[in-house]
Amino acid sequence: MRARERDASSARGGLRARGGLRDTTKGRESHDDDCRQLRANSRAIQLAATVWPPGRQDDETAVITHPVVEHDHVAKWSSTSHSPPHPLPPSSTMTSAPVPLAMESVDPRSETSGFIVRPDGRKVAYIIDGDLTNAKHVFLCFHGMMSNAKFFKGGAPDGCAYISIDRMGYGKSSYVSPSKFSYSDVVDDAGAIVDKFSLTEVYLMAHSAGSPNALNVASAWSSPDNGPTVKGVGILAGETEYTVEGAPQTPGGVKCFMGGCVGGCCVPVCPCVCDWGFFGDWKLKFLEYPFKVENITCPVILYYAEKDGIIDEKLTQFTAARLKNASVEMIPDTAHFTCATPEFQKKMAAALTK
């Protein structure tokens, strides 16, 4: 009996050596390795689709493509190969789920938020309110101090869409040193977002300290060669250019509280009070504009609140007097923030687009 078992074992060994009998243990291990590799490739592609616009995967080499932001702010595609260490098994022998088929690019207009990356590495985030895919009128929106892009959430009326920007240092945009805040960068950032969505006409809307941003953008784009056509500008309780001779100034009590107490004490101790963008924002608002608001030719509507203790009528009227096509409206029984709720944002948008 033992002799027969030794003979059978010897025969199997000979067959295995000649390739006539497969080692099923090693076969299972190789197959399991292949399945693990396939699952890893699938997870990598799904992760790429989550972090970036969907990538694409080639059949054999599992190539994942990622967008690379160039200095001209146009996303271009580069490939990074993730080839498996050994050939994938034929589809007839696969027991794990197949790798997803090629995924199509997502239209950024269908997203609800996003960001661009600037040449200096800064991230500029934005959110979209309304149906940007089908909107007849598109607004770029600039929030005020100690706020963020969500300020304009819910304010887009039917037929309009808002691209609300997290200004430098606010919300999900990158921190920027106060010494590097500039209106020229504001204009360039807005231009990069416009390029991303291929917009040729826009409206601008801003609240409080966001208004100098909108006015500088409108002035910079007053020349057709510098940007899209600005159809109109809406200012909600907006700041003025304080460096101009004869300009009214922010009330002394507000200036002392914001610049001294909030900027000097509260923010360093408790950053949750407001975003770090406050520091640069406060510095920027008292600098001379690089673009002259007198160059703005499109309609500009300025609201001010009857009970606003921060931006009063004098500041609003001073700005309006420098513009070629401006109108001013007082919002009764409102204060600095309540005159800029979604209700009044919709009213402003309707007045500009009628």
Protein backbone atom coordinates (compact mmCIF):
# COMPACT_ATOMS: atom_id res chain seq x y z
CA MET A 1 0.00 0.00 0.00
CA ARG A 2 2.72 2.47 0.98
CA ALA A 3 4.58 1.62 -2.19
CA ARG A 4 1.54 2.44 -4.34
CA GLU A 5 1.09 5.82 -2.53
CA ARG A 6 4.76 6.65 -3.12
CA ASP A 7 4.38 5.79 -6.79
CA ALA A 8 1.24 7.96 -7.13
CA SER A 9 2.94 10.89 -5.37
CA SER A 10 5.95 10.52 -7.64
CA ALA A 11 3.72 10.49 -10.71
CA ARG A 12 1.90 13.67 -9.61
CA GLY A 13 5.25 15.36 -9.00
CA GLY A 14 6.38 14.43 -12.47
CA LEU A 15 3.21 15.71 -14.06
CA ARG A 16 3.47 18.97 -12.11
CA ALA A 17 7.09 19.39 -13.17
CA ARG A 18 6.08 18.92 -16.83
CA GLY A 19 3.12 21.27 -16.45
CA GLY A 20 0.59 18.50 -16.82
CA LEU A 21 -1.06 19.05 -13.41
CA ARG A 22 -1.79 22.58 -12.07
CA ASP A 23 -0.84 23.51 -8.50
CA THR A 24 -4.28 24.68 -7.36
CA THR A 25 -2.96 26.27 -4.16
CA LYS A 26 -0.65 28.61 -6.06
CA GLY A 27 -3.41 29.25 -8.60
CA ARG A 28 -5.78 30.41 -5.90
CA GLU A 29 -3.12 32.69 -4.40
CA SER A 30 -2.40 34.27 -7.79
CA HIS A 31 -6.10 34.71 -8.49
CA ASP A 32 -6.65 36.30 -5.07
CA ASP A 33 -3.76 38.70 -5.74
CA ASP A 34 -5.34 39.68 -9.04
CA CYS A 35 -8.69 40.30 -7.41
CA ARG A 36 -7.11 42.45 -4.70
CA GLN A 37 -5.31 44.49 -7.38
CA LEU A 38 -8.56 45.01 -9.28
CA ARG A 39 -10.34 46.17 -6.14
CA ALA A 40 -7.47 48.56 -5.36
CA ASN A 41 -7.65 50.01 -8.88
CA SER A 42 -11.40 50.45 -8.57
CA ARG A 43 -11.06 52.24 -5.22
CA ALA A 44 -8.36 54.53 -6.62
CA ILE A 45 -10.58 55.56 -9.52
CA GLN A 46 -13.53 56.17 -7.22
CA LEU A 47 -11.32 58.32 -4.97
CA ALA A 48 -10.11 60.32 -7.97
CA ALA A 49 -13.70 60.97 -8.99
CA THR A 50 -14.46 62.22 -5.48
CA VAL A 51 -11.51 64.58 -5.11
CA TRP A 52 -11.31 65.87 -8.68
CA PRO A 53 -13.65 65.98 -11.66
CA PRO A 54 -14.15 62.38 -12.73
CA GLY A 55 -11.07 60.76 -14.25
CA ARG A 56 -10.89 58.04 -16.84
CA GLN A 57 -9.57 54.51 -16.75
CA ASP A 58 -8.08 52.66 -19.68
CA ASP A 59 -8.90 48.97 -20.08
CA GLU A 60 -5.57 47.29 -19.44
CA THR A 61 -3.28 49.66 -17.58
CA ALA A 62 -5.79 51.30 -15.21
CA VAL A 63 -4.62 54.80 -16.07
CA ILE A 64 -6.17 57.44 -13.80
CA THR A 65 -6.21 60.98 -15.17
CA HIS A 66 -6.19 64.06 -12.97
CA PRO A 67 -6.64 67.72 -13.90
CA VAL A 68 -3.57 69.91 -13.43
CA VAL A 69 -4.18 73.64 -13.08
CA GLU A 70 -1.81 75.61 -15.27
CA HIS A 71 -0.85 79.25 -14.83
CA ASP A 72 -3.48 80.24 -17.36
CA HIS A 73 -6.07 78.71 -15.03
CA VAL A 74 -7.18 76.19 -17.67
CA ALA A 75 -7.43 72.65 -16.32
CA LYS A 76 -5.41 70.27 -18.52
CA TRP A 77 -5.20 66.53 -18.23
CA SER A 78 -2.09 64.59 -17.23
CA SER A 79 -1.88 60.83 -16.76
CA THR A 80 -0.36 58.79 -13.97
CA SER A 81 -0.07 55.10 -14.76
CA HIS A 82 -0.90 52.59 -12.08
CA SER A 83 -0.14 49.36 -13.96
CA PRO A 84 -0.58 46.14 -12.00
CA PRO A 85 2.62 44.23 -11.15
CA HIS A 86 1.48 41.34 -13.38
CA PRO A 87 -1.07 41.00 -16.21
CA LEU A 88 -4.72 41.00 -15.18
CA PRO A 89 -6.52 37.67 -15.56
CA PRO A 90 -8.86 37.21 -18.54
CA SER A 91 -12.36 38.54 -17.93
CA SER A 92 -13.72 34.99 -18.11
CA THR A 93 -11.81 34.08 -14.94
CA MET A 94 -12.61 37.24 -12.94
CA THR A 95 -14.72 36.70 -9.84
CA SER A 96 -14.47 40.26 -8.40
CA ALA A 97 -16.41 43.27 -9.67
CA PRO A 98 -15.07 44.68 -12.96
CA VAL A 99 -13.22 47.99 -12.97
CA PRO A 100 -15.64 50.88 -13.74
CA LEU A 101 -15.89 51.98 -17.34
CA ALA A 102 -14.55 55.33 -18.49
CA MET A 103 -16.22 58.24 -16.67
CA GLU A 104 -17.24 61.43 -18.41
CA SER A 105 -16.20 64.89 -17.27
CA VAL A 106 -18.70 66.77 -15.13
CA ASP A 107 -19.87 70.18 -16.33
CA PRO A 108 -18.74 72.61 -13.58
CA ARG A 109 -22.01 74.51 -14.08
CA SER A 110 -23.89 71.58 -12.58
CA GLU A 111 -21.87 71.65 -9.35
CA THR A 112 -23.00 73.42 -6.20
CA SER A 113 -19.51 74.45 -5.10
CA GLY A 114 -15.92 74.31 -6.20
CA PHE A 115 -12.63 76.15 -6.28
CA ILE A 116 -9.81 77.30 -8.52
CA VAL A 117 -6.10 77.25 -7.77
CA ARG A 118 -4.12 80.39 -8.52
CA PRO A 119 -0.52 80.47 -9.84
CA ASP A 120 0.75 81.29 -6.34
CA GLY A 121 -0.95 78.17 -4.97
CA ARG A 122 -3.89 79.95 -3.34
CA LYS A 123 -7.25 78.22 -3.43
CA VAL A 124 -10.25 80.43 -4.19
CA ALA A 125 -13.50 78.71 -3.29
CA TYR A 126 -17.04 79.52 -4.37
CA ILE A 127 -20.58 78.21 -4.08
CA ILE A 128 -23.31 78.30 -6.70
CA ASP A 129 -26.87 79.34 -5.89
CA GLY A 130 -29.50 78.77 -8.55
CA ASP A 131 -29.39 76.80 -11.79
CA LEU A 132 -26.17 77.91 -13.46
CA THR A 133 -26.67 75.46 -16.32
CA ASN A 134 -29.82 77.22 -17.55
CA ALA A 135 -29.51 80.68 -16.00
CA LYS A 136 -30.15 83.69 -18.23
CA HIS A 137 -28.30 86.00 -15.84
CA VAL A 138 -25.18 85.14 -13.84
CA PHE A 139 -23.96 87.16 -10.84
CA LEU A 140 -20.55 87.16 -9.21
CA CYS A 141 -21.13 87.89 -5.52
CA PHE A 142 -18.76 89.34 -2.92
CA HIS A 143 -19.65 88.93 0.76
CA GLY A 144 -18.77 91.43 3.46
CA MET A 145 -16.39 91.38 6.40
CA MET A 146 -16.65 88.53 8.93
CA SER A 147 -18.80 86.55 6.49
CA ASN A 148 -18.37 84.02 3.67
CA ALA A 149 -19.84 82.84 0.37
CA LYS A 150 -22.92 81.38 2.09
CA PHE A 151 -24.16 84.93 2.66
CA PHE A 152 -25.74 84.82 -0.82
CA LYS A 153 -27.20 81.34 -0.46
CA GLY A 154 -30.90 81.32 -1.33
CA GLY A 155 -30.85 84.78 -2.89
CA ALA A 156 -30.92 83.89 -6.59
CA PRO A 157 -34.34 84.45 -8.20
CA ASP A 158 -35.67 82.29 -11.04
CA GLY A 159 -33.63 82.67 -14.18
CA CYS A 160 -30.56 83.84 -12.25
CA ALA A 161 -27.57 82.08 -10.73
CA TYR A 162 -25.08 83.39 -8.19
CA ILE A 163 -21.41 82.40 -8.10
CA SER A 164 -20.62 83.54 -4.58
CA ILE A 165 -16.89 83.80 -3.87
CA ASP A 166 -15.17 83.09 -0.57
CA ARG A 167 -12.92 86.13 -0.54
CA MET A 168 -9.24 85.83 0.44
CA GLY A 169 -8.85 84.30 3.88
CA TYR A 170 -12.57 83.61 4.30
CA GLY A 171 -14.60 80.41 4.20
CA LYS A 172 -12.82 77.67 2.26
CA SER A 173 -10.42 79.98 0.43
CA SER A 174 -6.76 79.97 1.39
CA TYR A 175 -5.30 82.12 4.12
CA VAL A 176 -3.50 85.19 2.77
CA SER A 177 -1.11 87.38 4.74
CA PRO A 178 -2.68 90.82 5.34
CA SER A 179 0.33 92.43 3.66
CA LYS A 180 -0.53 90.61 0.43
CA PHE A 181 -4.20 91.56 0.17
CA SER A 182 -4.79 93.55 -3.02
CA TYR A 183 -7.70 94.56 -5.21
CA SER A 184 -5.67 93.55 -8.26
CA ASP A 185 -5.68 89.96 -7.00
CA VAL A 186 -9.42 90.24 -6.41
CA VAL A 187 -9.88 91.19 -10.07
CA ASP A 188 -7.60 88.38 -11.26
CA ASP A 189 -9.38 85.81 -9.07
CA ALA A 190 -12.76 86.87 -10.46
CA GLY A 191 -11.37 86.65 -13.97
CA ALA A 192 -10.15 83.09 -13.41
CA ILE A 193 -13.60 82.02 -12.18
CA VAL A 194 -15.25 83.67 -15.18
CA ASP A 195 -12.83 81.82 -17.47
CA LYS A 196 -13.65 78.51 -15.80
CA PHE A 197 -17.33 78.92 -16.68
CA SER A 198 -16.68 80.61 -20.07
CA LEU A 199 -18.86 83.58 -19.15
CA THR A 200 -19.02 86.54 -21.52
CA GLU A 201 -21.57 88.61 -19.56
CA VAL A 202 -21.98 88.94 -15.80
CA TYR A 203 -23.64 91.03 -13.11
CA LEU A 204 -21.92 91.84 -9.84
CA MET A 205 -23.45 92.00 -6.36
CA ALA A 206 -21.77 92.83 -3.06
CA HIS A 207 -22.49 93.58 0.57
CA SER A 208 -20.62 95.91 2.93
CA ALA A 209 -16.82 95.45 2.64
CA GLY A 210 -17.38 93.31 -0.43
CA SER A 211 -18.53 96.36 -2.39
CA PRO A 212 -15.01 97.76 -3.04
CA ASN A 213 -14.21 94.35 -4.56
CA ALA A 214 -17.19 94.55 -6.91
CA LEU A 215 -16.48 98.17 -7.87
CA ASN A 216 -12.83 97.43 -8.66
CA VAL A 217 -13.82 94.42 -10.76
CA ALA A 218 -16.45 96.47 -12.63
CA SER A 219 -13.93 99.24 -13.28
CA ALA A 220 -11.21 96.83 -14.42
CA TRP A 221 -13.63 95.15 -16.82
CA SER A 222 -15.04 98.41 -18.17
CA SER A 223 -12.70 97.89 -21.12
CA PRO A 224 -13.94 95.05 -23.39
CA ASP A 225 -10.42 93.64 -23.68
CA ASN A 226 -10.00 93.14 -19.93
CA GLY A 227 -12.85 90.81 -19.10
CA PRO A 228 -16.50 89.94 -19.68
CA THR A 229 -19.16 92.57 -20.14
CA VAL A 230 -20.50 93.78 -16.80
CA LYS A 231 -24.23 94.31 -17.26
CA GLY A 232 -24.90 95.87 -13.87
CA VAL A 233 -23.72 96.16 -10.27
CA GLY A 234 -25.76 95.86 -7.08
CA ILE A 235 -24.37 97.27 -3.84
CA LEU A 236 -26.01 96.38 -0.52
CA ALA A 237 -24.94 98.73 2.31
CA GLY A 238 -21.53 99.13 0.73
CA GLU A 239 -18.30 100.76 1.86
CA THR A 240 -16.85 103.71 -0.06
CA GLU A 241 -13.29 104.62 -1.05
CA TYR A 242 -12.10 106.32 2.12
CA THR A 243 -8.86 107.71 0.65
CA VAL A 244 -10.65 110.04 -1.77
CA GLU A 245 -10.65 113.68 -0.70
CA GLY A 246 -13.88 114.61 1.02
CA ALA A 247 -14.97 111.00 1.58
CA PRO A 248 -17.08 110.37 4.71
CA GLN A 249 -15.43 108.00 7.15
CA THR A 250 -16.64 104.93 9.01
CA PRO A 251 -18.22 106.09 12.29
CA GLY A 252 -15.53 106.43 14.95
CA GLY A 253 -17.10 103.99 17.38
CA VAL A 254 -17.37 101.29 14.71
CA LYS A 255 -13.81 101.88 13.56
CA CYS A 256 -12.49 101.63 17.11
CA PHE A 257 -14.47 98.48 17.90
CA MET A 258 -13.71 96.63 14.65
CA GLY A 259 -10.09 97.62 14.28
CA GLY A 260 -9.15 97.59 17.95
CA CYS A 261 -11.37 95.21 19.87
CA VAL A 262 -12.29 92.62 17.22
CA GLY A 263 -9.07 92.83 15.23
CA GLY A 264 -6.80 93.24 18.22
CA CYS A 265 -8.34 90.96 20.82
CA CYS A 266 -11.20 88.67 19.80
CA VAL A 267 -9.78 87.13 16.63
CA PRO A 268 -6.37 86.11 17.99
CA VAL A 269 -7.94 84.65 21.12
CA CYS A 270 -10.93 83.02 19.46
CA PRO A 271 -10.62 82.52 15.68
CA CYS A 272 -14.22 81.27 15.59
CA VAL A 273 -15.34 84.91 15.91
CA CYS A 274 -14.52 85.41 12.25
CA ASP A 275 -12.20 84.13 9.54
CA TRP A 276 -8.58 85.17 9.38
CA GLY A 277 -9.41 87.18 6.26
CA PHE A 278 -10.61 89.94 8.58
CA PHE A 279 -7.06 91.21 9.13
CA GLY A 280 -6.30 91.77 5.45
CA ASP A 281 -9.82 92.95 4.77
CA TRP A 282 -9.63 95.68 7.39
CA LYS A 283 -6.29 96.87 6.00
CA LEU A 284 -7.47 96.78 2.39
CA LYS A 285 -10.61 98.85 2.92
CA PHE A 286 -8.54 101.92 3.81
CA LEU A 287 -6.25 101.72 0.75
CA GLU A 288 -6.62 103.59 -2.51
CA TYR A 289 -8.40 101.69 -5.28
CA PRO A 290 -6.12 100.70 -8.19
CA PHE A 291 -9.08 101.10 -10.58
CA LYS A 292 -11.15 104.26 -10.87
CA VAL A 293 -14.87 103.81 -10.20
CA GLU A 294 -15.53 106.76 -12.54
CA ASN A 295 -14.77 104.37 -15.42
CA ILE A 296 -17.83 102.23 -14.65
CA THR A 297 -20.54 102.86 -17.25
CA CYS A 298 -23.04 100.07 -16.50
CA PRO A 299 -26.04 100.66 -14.20
CA VAL A 300 -25.20 100.56 -10.48
CA ILE A 301 -27.93 100.28 -7.85
CA LEU A 302 -27.00 101.10 -4.26
CA TYR A 303 -29.14 100.17 -1.25
CA TYR A 304 -28.61 101.56 2.22
CA ALA A 305 -30.46 100.69 5.39
CA GLU A 306 -32.50 103.23 7.30
CA LYS A 307 -31.12 102.07 10.66
CA ASP A 308 -27.58 101.12 9.63
CA GLY A 309 -25.06 102.14 12.27
CA ILE A 310 -22.07 101.05 10.14
CA ILE A 311 -22.68 102.32 6.60
CA ASP A 312 -24.87 105.39 6.57
CA GLU A 313 -26.50 107.33 3.76
CA LYS A 314 -23.55 109.74 3.40
CA LEU A 315 -21.18 106.93 2.43
CA THR A 316 -23.64 105.54 -0.12
CA GLN A 317 -24.40 108.92 -1.66
CA PHE A 318 -20.68 109.72 -1.92
CA THR A 319 -20.05 106.56 -3.93
CA ALA A 320 -23.10 107.16 -6.13
CA ALA A 321 -21.95 110.70 -6.95
CA ARG A 322 -18.76 109.32 -8.49
CA LEU A 323 -20.58 106.91 -10.80
CA LYS A 324 -21.99 107.73 -14.24
CA ASN A 325 -25.14 105.63 -14.04
CA ALA A 326 -26.12 105.14 -10.40
CA SER A 327 -29.35 105.08 -8.42
CA VAL A 328 -29.78 105.00 -4.63
CA GLU A 329 -32.58 103.43 -2.62
CA MET A 330 -33.19 103.44 1.11
CA ILE A 331 -34.56 100.22 2.61
CA PRO A 332 -36.93 101.21 5.45
CA ASP A 333 -36.82 99.63 8.90
CA THR A 334 -33.66 97.63 8.21
CA ALA A 335 -30.12 97.59 9.57
CA HIS A 336 -26.75 96.71 8.09
CA PHE A 337 -27.44 93.01 7.60
CA THR A 338 -31.22 92.92 7.37
CA CYS A 339 -31.14 95.11 4.25
CA ALA A 340 -29.18 92.36 2.48
CA THR A 341 -31.22 89.25 3.21
CA PRO A 342 -32.16 86.89 0.33
CA GLU A 343 -35.39 88.88 -0.02
CA PHE A 344 -33.49 92.06 -0.88
CA GLN A 345 -30.89 90.19 -2.91
CA LYS A 346 -33.71 88.95 -5.13
CA LYS A 347 -35.14 92.44 -5.33
CA MET A 348 -31.75 93.80 -6.38
CA ALA A 349 -31.26 91.09 -9.01
CA ALA A 350 -34.72 91.71 -10.45
CA ALA A 351 -34.07 95.47 -10.66
CA LEU A 352 -30.74 94.97 -12.47
CA THR A 353 -31.99 92.38 -14.97
CA LYS A 354 -35.38 93.85 -15.88
